[in-house]
Amino acid sequence: MNERVIANGISVDVQLPCTLAEFLTAQNLFPRGVVVEHNGEAVAPSEFPSRQIHAGDRLEIVKVVAGG
């Protein structure tokens, strides 16, 4: 069932039920290359496969960039 979540302030369609890892993959984001806050709570990458996303959830996603 398609629902909406807010990702970085933008409403995004998502197929629910869905884990955070599945959502990131659907958005063409590599789970190991991002830092995620889910409804105001920082999420450890080890939790991505089990963390469920629900309609109306708010996500803040930041890509990790290495450089020097």
C-alpha atoms as a PDB file:
ATOM      1  CA  MET A   1       0.000   0.000   0.000  1.00  0.00           C
ATOM      2  CA  ASN A   2       1.442   3.372  -0.983  1.00  0.00           C
ATOM      3  CA  GLU A   3       1.668   5.907   1.818  1.00  0.00           C
ATOM      4  CA  ARG A   4       3.716   9.038   2.416  1.00  0.00           C
ATOM      5  CA  VAL A   5       6.632   9.841   4.691  1.00  0.00           C
ATOM      6  CA  ILE A   6       8.555  13.085   5.031  1.00  0.00           C
ATOM      7  CA  ALA A   7      12.223  12.709   4.057  1.00  0.00           C
ATOM      8  CA  ASN A   8      14.405  15.793   4.476  1.00  0.00           C
ATOM      9  CA  GLY A   9      11.276  17.961   4.460  1.00  0.00           C
ATOM     10  CA  ILE A  10       9.869  16.450   1.245  1.00  0.00           C
ATOM     11  CA  SER A  11       6.793  14.231   1.053  1.00  0.00           C
ATOM     12  CA  VAL A  12       7.798  10.886  -0.483  1.00  0.00           C
ATOM     13  CA  ASP A  13       5.605   7.965  -1.582  1.00  0.00           C
ATOM     14  CA  VAL A  14       6.599   4.687   0.048  1.00  0.00           C
ATOM     15  CA  GLN A  15       5.282   1.140  -0.294  1.00  0.00           C
ATOM     16  CA  LEU A  16       4.303  -0.053   3.189  1.00  0.00           C
ATOM     17  CA  PRO A  17       5.116  -2.154   5.111  1.00  0.00           C
ATOM     18  CA  CYS A  18       8.749  -1.159   4.714  1.00  0.00           C
ATOM     19  CA  THR A  19      11.948  -1.170   6.741  1.00  0.00           C
ATOM     20  CA  LEU A  20      14.356   1.730   6.814  1.00  0.00           C
ATOM     21  CA  ALA A  21      16.875  -0.338   4.814  1.00  0.00           C
ATOM     22  CA  GLU A  22      14.252  -1.030   2.124  1.00  0.00           C
ATOM     23  CA  PHE A  23      13.303   2.643   1.989  1.00  0.00           C
ATOM     24  CA  LEU A  24      16.914   3.746   1.570  1.00  0.00           C
ATOM     25  CA  THR A  25      17.472   1.206  -1.206  1.00  0.00           C
ATOM     26  CA  ALA A  26      14.290   2.358  -2.977  1.00  0.00           C
ATOM     27  CA  GLN A  27      15.651   5.923  -2.841  1.00  0.00           C
ATOM     28  CA  ASN A  28      18.935   4.757  -4.416  1.00  0.00           C
ATOM     29  CA  LEU A  29      20.822   5.421  -1.187  1.00  0.00           C
ATOM     30  CA  PHE A  30      23.492   3.040   0.082  1.00  0.00           C
ATOM     31  CA  PRO A  31      22.591   2.296   3.737  1.00  0.00           C
ATOM     32  CA  ARG A  32      26.231   2.321   4.818  1.00  0.00           C
ATOM     33  CA  GLY A  33      26.714   5.744   3.239  1.00  0.00           C
ATOM     34  CA  VAL A  34      24.088   7.653   5.221  1.00  0.00           C
ATOM     35  CA  VAL A  35      23.223   8.826   8.720  1.00  0.00           C
ATOM     36  CA  VAL A  36      19.501   8.682   9.541  1.00  0.00           C
ATOM     37  CA  GLU A  37      17.256  10.311  12.107  1.00  0.00           C
ATOM     38  CA  HIS A  38      13.794   8.704  12.356  1.00  0.00           C
ATOM     39  CA  ASN A  39      11.119  10.803  14.080  1.00  0.00           C
ATOM     40  CA  GLY A  40      13.836  12.757  15.903  1.00  0.00           C
ATOM     41  CA  GLU A  41      15.823   9.705  17.007  1.00  0.00           C
ATOM     42  CA  ALA A  42      19.244   8.807  15.602  1.00  0.00           C
ATOM     43  CA  VAL A  43      19.218   5.287  14.158  1.00  0.00           C
ATOM     44  CA  ALA A  44      22.264   3.009  14.220  1.00  0.00           C
ATOM     45  CA  PRO A  45      22.973   1.403  10.829  1.00  0.00           C
ATOM     46  CA  SER A  46      22.589  -2.025  12.452  1.00  0.00           C
ATOM     47  CA  GLU A  47      18.915  -1.142  13.094  1.00  0.00           C
ATOM     48  CA  PHE A  48      18.110  -0.204   9.452  1.00  0.00           C
ATOM     49  CA  PRO A  49      16.960  -3.748   8.463  1.00  0.00           C
ATOM     50  CA  SER A  50      14.551  -4.031  11.411  1.00  0.00           C
ATOM     51  CA  ARG A  51      13.337  -0.431  11.858  1.00  0.00           C
ATOM     52  CA  GLN A  52       9.804  -0.186  10.444  1.00  0.00           C
ATOM     53  CA  ILE A  53       8.612   2.966   8.681  1.00  0.00           C
ATOM     54  CA  HIS A  54       5.010   4.064   9.116  1.00  0.00           C
ATOM     55  CA  ALA A  55       2.836   6.544   7.229  1.00  0.00           C
ATOM     56  CA  GLY A  56       3.606  10.110   8.302  1.00  0.00           C
ATOM     57  CA  ASP A  57       7.041   9.328   9.748  1.00  0.00           C
ATOM     58  CA  ARG A  58       9.736  11.973   9.458  1.00  0.00           C
ATOM     59  CA  LEU A  59      13.223  11.059   8.255  1.00  0.00           C
ATOM     60  CA  GLU A  60      16.345  13.191   8.081  1.00  0.00           C
ATOM     61  CA  ILE A  61      18.946  11.556   5.867  1.00  0.00           C
ATOM     62  CA  VAL A  62      22.494  12.846   5.451  1.00  0.00           C
ATOM     63  CA  LYS A  63      24.967  11.308   3.023  1.00  0.00           C
ATOM     64  CA  VAL A  64      28.372  10.594   4.511  1.00  0.00           C
ATOM     65  CA  VAL A  65      31.158  11.935   2.314  1.00  0.00           C
ATOM     66  CA  ALA A  66      34.799  11.044   2.837  1.00  0.00           C
ATOM     67  CA  GLY A  67      37.492  13.386   1.746  1.00  0.00           C
ATOM     68  CA  GLY A  68      40.606  15.093   2.773  1.00  0.00           C
END
